[in-house]
Amino acid sequence: MNAGAVDVEQGDLLTRARSGERAAVDTLLRLHYDAVHAVCHRMVLSRESADDAVQNALLAIVRGLPRFDGRSNLLTWIYRIATNAAIDEIRRVQRAPRAADPTALTATETVNPESDPTAGLAEHLDQSSAVAGALAKVPHDFRVALVLRYVSDLDYAEIAEVLGVPVGTVRSRLARGKEALAQHLDPARSVTGQKTAGEPNLTHPTSHQTDNSP
């Protein structure tokens, strides 16, 4: 099937989903479930709370579909909803009394302090990894940017659209997020002079990693 046919088919699916057709809504949610799941589970970093964020995001997508006007890309719109659901869950958890620090995860891997802290980020973010523990301590504004860039593989312009901020703000949050992540992975490490601008040399290159954003 060629790209034009795929676009027509997906456009038809979206039209039917927006009209409330249950089968089309279910298909649309299945197509984008993995993206929603990845965003929520990498931002929240608590399986139970992340699952709550996923469910809230899916409900928000269903409720918002009739009002989706197509002015933004559908996937960008879905990422925005998933991101907001994850942030809301992070804030809810922070407000709730807790017996233990949820960021105190057990480190079960050795991190090379000389490597880029975002290299292979998606592959290292299991519940008990040192990277997950470090990412959980990064301020959530920076964490969101890191996850959207290095887990969801969005480029700077796409992240800016999802978050509703300028591209320059995205660059700043990514740079500061990488610094914070490196410090939490190795608190004794000085980040002075560390290269934080530009693209990291990720373990698994993908189509978005050559970024020509202004």
C-alpha atoms as a PDB file:
ATOM      1  CA  MET A   1       0.000   0.000   0.000  1.00  0.00           C
ATOM      2  CA  ASN A   2       1.446   3.369  -0.986  1.00  0.00           C
ATOM      3  CA  ALA A   3       1.774   6.370   1.325  1.00  0.00           C
ATOM      4  CA  GLY A   4      -1.171   8.187  -0.246  1.00  0.00           C
ATOM      5  CA  ALA A   5      -3.455   5.227   0.338  1.00  0.00           C
ATOM      6  CA  VAL A   6      -2.287   4.960   3.943  1.00  0.00           C
ATOM      7  CA  ASP A   7      -2.989   8.659   4.517  1.00  0.00           C
ATOM      8  CA  VAL A   8      -6.497   8.305   3.052  1.00  0.00           C
ATOM      9  CA  GLU A   9      -7.161   5.211   5.168  1.00  0.00           C
ATOM     10  CA  GLN A  10      -5.947   6.898   8.359  1.00  0.00           C
ATOM     11  CA  GLY A  11      -7.906  10.030   7.518  1.00  0.00           C
ATOM     12  CA  ASP A  12     -11.048   7.926   7.111  1.00  0.00           C
ATOM     13  CA  LEU A  13     -10.354   6.192  10.425  1.00  0.00           C
ATOM     14  CA  LEU A  14      -9.965   9.555  12.175  1.00  0.00           C
ATOM     15  CA  THR A  15     -13.186  10.873  10.623  1.00  0.00           C
ATOM     16  CA  ARG A  16     -15.113   7.835  11.813  1.00  0.00           C
ATOM     17  CA  ALA A  17     -13.529   8.013  15.262  1.00  0.00           C
ATOM     18  CA  ARG A  18     -14.420  11.697  15.583  1.00  0.00           C
ATOM     19  CA  SER A  19     -18.017  10.860  14.736  1.00  0.00           C
ATOM     20  CA  GLY A  20     -18.086   8.460  17.688  1.00  0.00           C
ATOM     21  CA  GLU A  21     -17.901   5.130  15.867  1.00  0.00           C
ATOM     22  CA  ARG A  22     -16.815   2.734  18.598  1.00  0.00           C
ATOM     23  CA  ALA A  23     -14.813   0.368  16.373  1.00  0.00           C
ATOM     24  CA  ALA A  24     -12.866   3.276  14.848  1.00  0.00           C
ATOM     25  CA  VAL A  25     -12.131   4.770  18.278  1.00  0.00           C
ATOM     26  CA  ASP A  26     -10.878   1.393  19.536  1.00  0.00           C
ATOM     27  CA  THR A  27      -8.653   0.980  16.465  1.00  0.00           C
ATOM     28  CA  LEU A  28      -7.233   4.478  16.864  1.00  0.00           C
ATOM     29  CA  LEU A  29      -6.424   3.839  20.523  1.00  0.00           C
ATOM     30  CA  ARG A  30      -4.718   0.533  19.677  1.00  0.00           C
ATOM     31  CA  LEU A  31      -2.607   2.217  17.000  1.00  0.00           C
ATOM     32  CA  HIS A  32      -1.319   4.848  19.421  1.00  0.00           C
ATOM     33  CA  TYR A  33      -1.351   2.924  22.699  1.00  0.00           C
ATOM     34  CA  ASP A  34       2.392   2.194  22.662  1.00  0.00           C
ATOM     35  CA  ALA A  35       3.231   5.890  22.263  1.00  0.00           C
ATOM     36  CA  VAL A  36       0.964   6.856  25.172  1.00  0.00           C
ATOM     37  CA  HIS A  37       2.317   4.022  27.327  1.00  0.00           C
ATOM     38  CA  ALA A  38       5.961   4.941  26.668  1.00  0.00           C
ATOM     39  CA  VAL A  39       5.465   8.612  27.514  1.00  0.00           C
ATOM     40  CA  CYS A  40       3.569   7.931  30.746  1.00  0.00           C
ATOM     41  CA  HIS A  41       5.826   5.139  31.999  1.00  0.00           C
ATOM     42  CA  ARG A  42       9.055   7.027  31.274  1.00  0.00           C
ATOM     43  CA  MET A  43       7.870  10.273  32.853  1.00  0.00           C
ATOM     44  CA  VAL A  44       6.099   8.938  35.931  1.00  0.00           C
ATOM     45  CA  LEU A  45       8.539   6.054  36.649  1.00  0.00           C
ATOM     46  CA  SER A  46       6.133   4.320  39.013  1.00  0.00           C
ATOM     47  CA  ARG A  47       4.288   1.460  37.373  1.00  0.00           C
ATOM     48  CA  GLU A  48       1.003   1.879  39.233  1.00  0.00           C
ATOM     49  CA  SER A  49       0.901   5.656  38.848  1.00  0.00           C
ATOM     50  CA  ALA A  50       2.032   5.425  35.222  1.00  0.00           C
ATOM     51  CA  ASP A  51      -0.797   2.995  34.485  1.00  0.00           C
ATOM     52  CA  ASP A  52      -3.208   5.541  35.975  1.00  0.00           C
ATOM     53  CA  ALA A  53      -1.718   8.221  33.710  1.00  0.00           C
ATOM     54  CA  VAL A  54      -2.126   5.956  30.669  1.00  0.00           C
ATOM     55  CA  GLN A  55      -5.801   5.369  31.455  1.00  0.00           C
ATOM     56  CA  ASN A  56      -6.388   9.078  32.040  1.00  0.00           C
ATOM     57  CA  ALA A  57      -4.684   9.894  28.745  1.00  0.00           C
ATOM     58  CA  LEU A  58      -6.759   7.362  26.814  1.00  0.00           C
ATOM     59  CA  LEU A  59      -9.968   8.737  28.334  1.00  0.00           C
ATOM     60  CA  ALA A  60      -8.894  12.268  27.448  1.00  0.00           C
ATOM     61  CA  ILE A  61      -8.221  11.194  23.855  1.00  0.00           C
ATOM     62  CA  VAL A  62     -11.670   9.620  23.545  1.00  0.00           C
ATOM     63  CA  ARG A  63     -13.365  12.664  25.049  1.00  0.00           C
ATOM     64  CA  GLY A  64     -11.332  15.071  22.953  1.00  0.00           C
ATOM     65  CA  LEU A  65     -11.696  13.366  19.568  1.00  0.00           C
ATOM     66  CA  PRO A  66     -14.978  15.106  18.630  1.00  0.00           C
ATOM     67  CA  ARG A  67     -13.259  18.470  19.189  1.00  0.00           C
ATOM     68  CA  PHE A  68     -10.021  17.601  17.368  1.00  0.00           C
ATOM     69  CA  ASP A  69      -9.983  20.010  14.424  1.00  0.00           C
ATOM     70  CA  GLY A  70      -6.932  18.713  12.597  1.00  0.00           C
ATOM     71  CA  ARG A  71      -4.978  21.953  12.901  1.00  0.00           C
ATOM     72  CA  SER A  72      -2.179  19.997  14.575  1.00  0.00           C
ATOM     73  CA  ASN A  73      -0.806  16.575  13.681  1.00  0.00           C
ATOM     74  CA  LEU A  74      -2.826  13.784  15.331  1.00  0.00           C
ATOM     75  CA  LEU A  75       0.230  12.142  16.886  1.00  0.00           C
ATOM     76  CA  THR A  76       1.439  15.490  18.236  1.00  0.00           C
ATOM     77  CA  TRP A  77      -2.005  16.030  19.765  1.00  0.00           C
ATOM     78  CA  ILE A  78      -1.883  12.559  21.347  1.00  0.00           C
ATOM     79  CA  TYR A  79       1.617  13.187  22.725  1.00  0.00           C
ATOM     80  CA  ARG A  80       0.368  16.440  24.244  1.00  0.00           C
ATOM     81  CA  ILE A  81      -2.473  14.632  26.005  1.00  0.00           C
ATOM     82  CA  ALA A  82      -0.174  11.857  27.233  1.00  0.00           C
ATOM     83  CA  THR A  83       2.377  14.389  28.467  1.00  0.00           C
ATOM     84  CA  ASN A  84      -0.261  16.368  30.352  1.00  0.00           C
ATOM     85  CA  ALA A  85      -1.655  13.182  31.896  1.00  0.00           C
ATOM     86  CA  ALA A  86       1.834  12.185  33.037  1.00  0.00           C
ATOM     87  CA  ILE A  87       2.536  15.637  34.501  1.00  0.00           C
ATOM     88  CA  ASP A  88      -0.822  15.630  36.311  1.00  0.00           C
ATOM     89  CA  GLU A  89       0.003  12.230  37.796  1.00  0.00           C
ATOM     90  CA  ILE A  90       3.475  13.375  38.869  1.00  0.00           C
ATOM     91  CA  ARG A  91       1.916  16.336  40.669  1.00  0.00           C
ATOM     92  CA  ARG A  92      -0.753  14.142  42.270  1.00  0.00           C
ATOM     93  CA  VAL A  93       1.904  11.761  43.594  1.00  0.00           C
ATOM     94  CA  GLN A  94       3.993  14.668  44.894  1.00  0.00           C
ATOM     95  CA  ARG A  95       0.977  16.023  46.825  1.00  0.00           C
ATOM     96  CA  ALA A  96       0.104  12.641  48.331  1.00  0.00           C
ATOM     97  CA  PRO A  97       1.719  11.564  51.634  1.00  0.00           C
ATOM     98  CA  ARG A  98       4.162   8.745  51.115  1.00  0.00           C
ATOM     99  CA  ALA A  99       6.116   6.423  53.365  1.00  0.00           C
ATOM    100  CA  ALA A 100       9.178   6.209  51.150  1.00  0.00           C
ATOM    101  CA  ASP A 101      10.873   8.195  48.445  1.00  0.00           C
ATOM    102  CA  PRO A 102       9.615   6.752  45.124  1.00  0.00           C
ATOM    103  CA  THR A 103      12.828   7.831  43.432  1.00  0.00           C
ATOM    104  CA  ALA A 104      14.927   5.578  45.637  1.00  0.00           C
ATOM    105  CA  LEU A 105      15.148   2.815  43.048  1.00  0.00           C
ATOM    106  CA  THR A 106      17.660   0.018  43.253  1.00  0.00           C
ATOM    107  CA  ALA A 107      20.515   0.465  40.805  1.00  0.00           C
ATOM    108  CA  THR A 108      21.173  -2.821  39.011  1.00  0.00           C
ATOM    109  CA  GLU A 109      23.447  -1.600  36.246  1.00  0.00           C
ATOM    110  CA  THR A 110      26.780   0.137  35.964  1.00  0.00           C
ATOM    111  CA  VAL A 111      26.728   3.472  34.180  1.00  0.00           C
ATOM    112  CA  ASN A 112      29.776   4.685  32.322  1.00  0.00           C
ATOM    113  CA  PRO A 113      30.340   8.228  33.675  1.00  0.00           C
ATOM    114  CA  GLU A 114      32.111   9.239  30.459  1.00  0.00           C
ATOM    115  CA  SER A 115      29.166   8.339  28.218  1.00  0.00           C
ATOM    116  CA  ASP A 116      26.376  10.646  27.148  1.00  0.00           C
ATOM    117  CA  PRO A 117      23.685  10.260  29.853  1.00  0.00           C
ATOM    118  CA  THR A 118      20.967  10.107  27.183  1.00  0.00           C
ATOM    119  CA  ALA A 119      22.665   7.427  25.080  1.00  0.00           C
ATOM    120  CA  GLY A 120      20.346   4.439  24.859  1.00  0.00           C
ATOM    121  CA  LEU A 121      17.954   6.158  27.282  1.00  0.00           C
ATOM    122  CA  ALA A 122      14.871   4.252  26.139  1.00  0.00           C
ATOM    123  CA  GLU A 123      16.617   0.887  26.489  1.00  0.00           C
ATOM    124  CA  HIS A 124      17.893   1.596  30.029  1.00  0.00           C
ATOM    125  CA  LEU A 125      14.670   2.832  31.611  1.00  0.00           C
ATOM    126  CA  ASP A 126      13.416  -0.274  33.351  1.00  0.00           C
ATOM    127  CA  GLN A 127      11.933   0.110  36.819  1.00  0.00           C
ATOM    128  CA  SER A 128      15.099  -0.851  38.718  1.00  0.00           C
ATOM    129  CA  SER A 129      17.816   0.731  36.607  1.00  0.00           C
ATOM    130  CA  ALA A 130      20.265   3.363  37.759  1.00  0.00           C
ATOM    131  CA  VAL A 131      19.167   5.509  34.824  1.00  0.00           C
ATOM    132  CA  ALA A 132      15.519   5.310  35.909  1.00  0.00           C
ATOM    133  CA  GLY A 133      16.502   6.310  39.428  1.00  0.00           C
ATOM    134  CA  ALA A 134      18.490   9.271  38.129  1.00  0.00           C
ATOM    135  CA  LEU A 135      15.769  10.365  35.713  1.00  0.00           C
ATOM    136  CA  ALA A 136      13.216  10.296  38.534  1.00  0.00           C
ATOM    137  CA  LYS A 137      15.254  12.992  40.313  1.00  0.00           C
ATOM    138  CA  VAL A 138      15.415  15.315  37.302  1.00  0.00           C
ATOM    139  CA  PRO A 139      12.873  18.203  37.578  1.00  0.00           C
ATOM    140  CA  HIS A 140       9.819  17.154  35.635  1.00  0.00           C
ATOM    141  CA  ASP A 141       9.990  20.015  33.096  1.00  0.00           C
ATOM    142  CA  PHE A 142      13.419  18.759  32.054  1.00  0.00           C
ATOM    143  CA  ARG A 143      12.377  15.106  32.375  1.00  0.00           C
ATOM    144  CA  VAL A 144       9.455  15.663  30.011  1.00  0.00           C
ATOM    145  CA  ALA A 145      11.756  17.158  27.385  1.00  0.00           C
ATOM    146  CA  LEU A 146      14.255  14.285  27.743  1.00  0.00           C
ATOM    147  CA  VAL A 147      11.557  11.648  27.385  1.00  0.00           C
ATOM    148  CA  LEU A 148       9.932  13.278  24.365  1.00  0.00           C
ATOM    149  CA  ARG A 149      13.313  13.653  22.639  1.00  0.00           C
ATOM    150  CA  TYR A 150      15.189  10.489  23.521  1.00  0.00           C
ATOM    151  CA  VAL A 151      12.369   8.005  24.187  1.00  0.00           C
ATOM    152  CA  SER A 152       9.542   9.225  21.939  1.00  0.00           C
ATOM    153  CA  ASP A 153      12.092  10.417  19.329  1.00  0.00           C
ATOM    154  CA  LEU A 154      10.406  13.759  18.595  1.00  0.00           C
ATOM    155  CA  ASP A 155      12.467  16.547  17.086  1.00  0.00           C
ATOM    156  CA  TYR A 156      12.777  19.991  18.670  1.00  0.00           C
ATOM    157  CA  ALA A 157       9.918  21.525  16.680  1.00  0.00           C
ATOM    158  CA  GLU A 158       7.583  18.657  17.553  1.00  0.00           C
ATOM    159  CA  ILE A 159       8.448  18.904  21.250  1.00  0.00           C
ATOM    160  CA  ALA A 160       7.866  22.653  21.134  1.00  0.00           C
ATOM    161  CA  GLU A 161       4.408  22.039  19.651  1.00  0.00           C
ATOM    162  CA  VAL A 162       3.563  19.372  22.232  1.00  0.00           C
ATOM    163  CA  LEU A 163       4.624  21.575  25.148  1.00  0.00           C
ATOM    164  CA  GLY A 164       3.487  24.894  23.691  1.00  0.00           C
ATOM    165  CA  VAL A 165       6.888  26.519  24.184  1.00  0.00           C
ATOM    166  CA  PRO A 166       9.494  28.022  21.810  1.00  0.00           C
ATOM    167  CA  VAL A 167      12.133  25.775  20.250  1.00  0.00           C
ATOM    168  CA  GLY A 168      14.780  27.677  22.214  1.00  0.00           C
ATOM    169  CA  THR A 169      13.082  26.654  25.462  1.00  0.00           C
ATOM    170  CA  VAL A 170      13.145  23.028  24.326  1.00  0.00           C
ATOM    171  CA  ARG A 171      16.886  23.268  23.637  1.00  0.00           C
ATOM    172  CA  SER A 172      17.484  24.813  27.057  1.00  0.00           C
ATOM    173  CA  ARG A 173      15.429  22.176  28.880  1.00  0.00           C
ATOM    174  CA  LEU A 174      17.209  19.370  27.062  1.00  0.00           C
ATOM    175  CA  ALA A 175      20.633  20.776  27.856  1.00  0.00           C
ATOM    176  CA  ARG A 176      19.796  21.340  31.520  1.00  0.00           C
ATOM    177  CA  GLY A 177      18.052  17.981  31.727  1.00  0.00           C
ATOM    178  CA  LYS A 178      21.131  16.202  30.398  1.00  0.00           C
ATOM    179  CA  GLU A 179      23.302  18.012  32.935  1.00  0.00           C
ATOM    180  CA  ALA A 180      20.961  17.055  35.767  1.00  0.00           C
ATOM    181  CA  LEU A 181      20.780  13.450  34.605  1.00  0.00           C
ATOM    182  CA  ALA A 182      24.577  13.205  34.423  1.00  0.00           C
ATOM    183  CA  GLN A 183      24.924  14.657  37.914  1.00  0.00           C
ATOM    184  CA  HIS A 184      22.439  12.191  39.397  1.00  0.00           C
ATOM    185  CA  LEU A 185      24.131   9.289  37.653  1.00  0.00           C
ATOM    186  CA  ASP A 186      27.489  10.395  39.082  1.00  0.00           C
ATOM    187  CA  PRO A 187      27.149  13.119  41.770  1.00  0.00           C
ATOM    188  CA  ALA A 188      30.927  13.502  42.008  1.00  0.00           C
ATOM    189  CA  ARG A 189      31.235  14.289  38.331  1.00  0.00           C
ATOM    190  CA  SER A 190      31.798  17.892  37.315  1.00  0.00           C
ATOM    191  CA  VAL A 191      29.703  18.941  34.346  1.00  0.00           C
ATOM    192  CA  THR A 192      31.745  22.070  33.725  1.00  0.00           C
ATOM    193  CA  GLY A 193      32.759  22.106  30.098  1.00  0.00           C
ATOM    194  CA  GLN A 194      30.611  19.094  29.312  1.00  0.00           C
ATOM    195  CA  LYS A 195      29.052  19.245  25.868  1.00  0.00           C
ATOM    196  CA  THR A 196      25.288  19.474  26.316  1.00  0.00           C
ATOM    197  CA  ALA A 197      24.205  21.166  23.105  1.00  0.00           C
ATOM    198  CA  GLY A 198      23.376  19.280  19.932  1.00  0.00           C
ATOM    199  CA  GLU A 199      22.513  15.672  19.386  1.00  0.00           C
ATOM    200  CA  PRO A 200      23.928  12.810  21.448  1.00  0.00           C
ATOM    201  CA  ASN A 201      25.436   9.742  19.834  1.00  0.00           C
ATOM    202  CA  LEU A 202      22.587   7.380  20.663  1.00  0.00           C
ATOM    203  CA  THR A 203      23.126   3.652  20.664  1.00  0.00           C
ATOM    204  CA  HIS A 204      20.298   3.003  18.215  1.00  0.00           C
ATOM    205  CA  PRO A 205      20.081   5.767  15.572  1.00  0.00           C
ATOM    206  CA  THR A 206      16.611   6.627  14.342  1.00  0.00           C
ATOM    207  CA  SER A 207      15.159   8.817  11.652  1.00  0.00           C
ATOM    208  CA  HIS A 208      14.739  11.906  13.842  1.00  0.00           C
ATOM    209  CA  GLN A 209      18.276  12.071  15.198  1.00  0.00           C
ATOM    210  CA  THR A 210      19.586  14.247  12.407  1.00  0.00           C
ATOM    211  CA  ASP A 211      17.861  17.408  13.545  1.00  0.00           C
ATOM    212  CA  ASN A 212      17.787  20.508  11.399  1.00  0.00           C
ATOM    213  CA  SER A 213      15.639  22.525  13.778  1.00  0.00           C
ATOM    214  CA  PRO A 214      16.536  26.222  13.916  1.00  0.00           C
END
